[in-house]
């Protein structure tokens, strides 16, 4: 089974992991999080990412690791790009909760398929929701259980 490493600006990575654990309580060993702190250098963050990646690989044996980051071009993605190899590790950026949950749900699939599932989950989870229609003001008989529109 594949593992998932979330690397994002603090406190987003750990918050996304906690949400994943809320929905999938058994995924704790397969999902790790690195919060990128504003006072740490990219080199220090890179060291933490490498340690987390090594721990996930040891815990998940011969499987891959999907790395999820929050913003392309920012420190979390720039650091993560230095540790992915395109074979055993893949990187997807723009992480959101639907992406994380979809990734956890399908971590048993191939790494290639998992990448596609993550991207689909992330994009399909973003949508505009229209407000509900306002209720119509209609007088209803108080004793009519069927709610017919007969006025008193």
Protein backbone atom coordinates (compact mmCIF):
# COMPACT_ATOMS: atom_id res chain seq x y z
CA UNK A 1 0.00 0.00 0.00
CA UNK A 2 1.24 3.51 -0.81
CA UNK A 3 1.98 6.12 1.82
CA UNK A 4 1.13 9.81 1.76
CA UNK A 5 3.33 12.69 2.91
CA UNK A 6 1.69 16.10 3.28
CA UNK A 7 4.08 19.07 3.20
CA UNK A 8 2.41 22.45 3.66
CA UNK A 9 2.64 25.79 5.39
CA UNK A 10 2.05 25.48 9.15
CA UNK A 11 -0.41 24.37 10.48
CA UNK A 12 -2.11 23.08 7.30
CA UNK A 13 -0.19 19.80 6.88
CA UNK A 14 -1.01 18.51 10.35
CA UNK A 15 -4.59 19.77 10.11
CA UNK A 16 -5.13 17.84 6.86
CA UNK A 17 -3.60 14.73 8.44
CA UNK A 18 -5.89 15.08 11.48
CA UNK A 19 -8.91 15.33 9.19
CA UNK A 20 -7.78 12.19 7.35
CA UNK A 21 -7.44 10.37 10.68
CA UNK A 22 -10.92 11.55 11.66
CA UNK A 23 -12.41 9.89 8.58
CA UNK A 24 -9.96 6.96 8.32
CA UNK A 25 -8.70 6.22 11.86
CA UNK A 26 -6.57 3.31 10.63
CA UNK A 27 -4.43 5.39 8.23
CA UNK A 28 -2.05 6.81 10.85
CA UNK A 29 0.99 4.77 9.81
CA UNK A 30 0.47 5.59 6.13
CA UNK A 31 0.01 9.38 6.37
CA UNK A 32 2.66 11.78 7.62
CA UNK A 33 2.71 15.58 7.78
CA UNK A 34 5.42 18.21 7.77
CA UNK A 35 4.37 21.73 8.65
CA UNK A 36 6.73 24.22 7.06
CA UNK A 37 7.55 26.76 9.75
CA UNK A 38 8.25 30.37 8.75
CA UNK A 39 11.40 30.57 10.88
CA UNK A 40 13.09 27.46 9.43
CA UNK A 41 15.39 27.51 6.44
CA UNK A 42 14.50 25.44 3.38
CA UNK A 43 17.48 23.19 4.19
CA UNK A 44 16.07 22.42 7.65
CA UNK A 45 12.67 21.70 6.15
CA UNK A 46 14.31 19.47 3.54
CA UNK A 47 15.95 17.47 6.33
CA UNK A 48 12.59 16.95 8.04
CA UNK A 49 10.97 15.90 4.76
CA UNK A 50 13.75 13.37 4.07
CA UNK A 51 13.36 11.85 7.55
CA UNK A 52 9.57 11.57 7.16
CA UNK A 53 9.95 10.05 3.70
CA UNK A 54 12.44 7.46 4.98
CA UNK A 55 10.13 6.54 7.87
CA UNK A 56 7.17 6.10 5.53
CA UNK A 57 9.21 3.93 3.17
CA UNK A 58 10.39 1.72 6.04
CA UNK A 59 6.88 1.38 7.40
CA UNK A 60 5.28 0.66 4.03
CA UNK A 61 8.03 -1.62 2.61
CA UNK A 62 8.16 -1.72 -1.21
CA UNK A 63 5.41 0.77 -1.93
CA UNK A 64 5.43 4.30 -3.22
CA UNK A 65 4.89 7.62 -1.51
CA UNK A 66 2.58 10.33 -2.79
CA UNK A 67 3.76 13.75 -1.64
CA UNK A 68 1.06 16.42 -1.43
CA UNK A 69 1.94 20.11 -1.10
CA UNK A 70 -0.19 23.22 -0.79
CA UNK A 71 1.09 25.83 -3.27
CA UNK A 72 3.18 25.46 -6.41
CA UNK A 73 6.25 27.68 -6.30
CA UNK A 74 6.28 28.03 -2.52
CA UNK A 75 8.74 26.47 -0.07
CA UNK A 76 6.78 23.24 0.59
CA UNK A 77 6.69 22.35 -3.11
CA UNK A 78 10.21 23.56 -3.80
CA UNK A 79 11.55 21.37 -0.98
CA UNK A 80 9.43 18.36 -1.97
CA UNK A 81 10.68 18.56 -5.56
CA UNK A 82 14.17 17.75 -4.26
CA UNK A 83 13.13 14.38 -2.81
CA UNK A 84 10.81 12.94 -5.45
CA UNK A 85 12.17 10.58 -8.06
CA UNK A 86 9.13 10.13 -10.33
CA UNK A 87 9.11 6.37 -9.75
CA UNK A 88 8.71 5.55 -6.06
CA UNK A 89 7.69 9.07 -5.12
CA UNK A 90 5.31 11.44 -6.91
CA UNK A 91 4.34 15.02 -6.17
CA UNK A 92 0.95 16.69 -6.49
CA UNK A 93 0.45 20.31 -5.43
CA UNK A 94 -2.66 22.29 -4.56
CA UNK A 95 -3.59 20.02 -1.67
CA UNK A 96 -7.04 20.35 -0.17
CA UNK A 97 -9.11 18.07 2.04
CA UNK A 98 -10.99 16.32 -0.81
CA UNK A 99 -7.61 15.50 -2.38
CA UNK A 100 -6.24 14.08 0.87
CA UNK A 101 -9.33 11.97 1.56
CA UNK A 102 -9.39 10.62 -1.99
CA UNK A 103 -5.68 9.79 -1.73
CA UNK A 104 -6.13 7.93 1.54
CA UNK A 105 -9.13 6.05 0.11
CA UNK A 106 -7.19 4.77 -2.89
CA UNK A 107 -3.70 4.33 -1.44
CA UNK A 108 -3.89 0.60 -2.23
CA UNK A 109 -3.85 1.32 -6.00
CA UNK A 110 -0.70 1.81 -8.09
CA UNK A 111 1.18 5.04 -7.52
CA UNK A 112 0.28 6.20 -11.05
CA UNK A 113 -3.41 5.62 -10.37
CA UNK A 114 -3.14 7.27 -6.96
CA UNK A 115 -1.77 10.44 -8.55
CA UNK A 116 -4.75 10.57 -10.93
CA UNK A 117 -7.18 9.95 -8.05
CA UNK A 118 -5.58 12.72 -5.97
CA UNK A 119 -5.83 15.27 -8.80
CA UNK A 120 -9.42 14.28 -9.55
CA UNK A 121 -10.41 14.46 -5.88
CA UNK A 122 -8.82 17.86 -5.50
CA UNK A 123 -10.41 19.38 -8.57
CA UNK A 124 -13.85 17.82 -8.11
CA UNK A 125 -13.89 19.03 -4.52
CA UNK A 126 -13.87 22.65 -5.65
CA UNK A 127 -17.25 23.97 -6.76
CA UNK A 128 -19.57 26.90 -6.35
CA UNK A 129 -22.66 26.17 -4.27
CA UNK A 130 -25.72 28.27 -4.95
CA UNK A 131 -27.73 29.58 -2.02
CA UNK A 132 -31.05 27.85 -1.36
CA UNK A 133 -34.17 29.39 -2.81
CA UNK A 134 -35.94 31.63 -0.31
CA UNK A 135 -39.11 30.15 1.15
CA UNK A 136 -42.32 31.30 -0.42
CA UNK A 137 -44.73 33.09 1.87
CA UNK A 138 -47.87 31.03 1.70
CA UNK A 139 -50.60 30.81 4.27
CA UNK A 140 -51.26 27.22 5.26
CA UNK A 141 -54.09 25.86 7.35
CA UNK A 142 -52.80 25.03 10.76
CA UNK A 143 -54.77 21.77 11.00
CA UNK A 144 -54.03 20.45 7.50
CA UNK A 145 -51.36 17.70 7.88
CA UNK A 146 -50.93 17.43 4.09
CA UNK A 147 -50.01 21.09 3.78
CA UNK A 148 -52.57 21.93 1.10
CA UNK A 149 -52.64 25.53 0.00
CA UNK A 150 -56.27 26.12 1.06
CA UNK A 151 -56.37 29.45 2.76
CA UNK A 152 -58.53 30.11 5.77
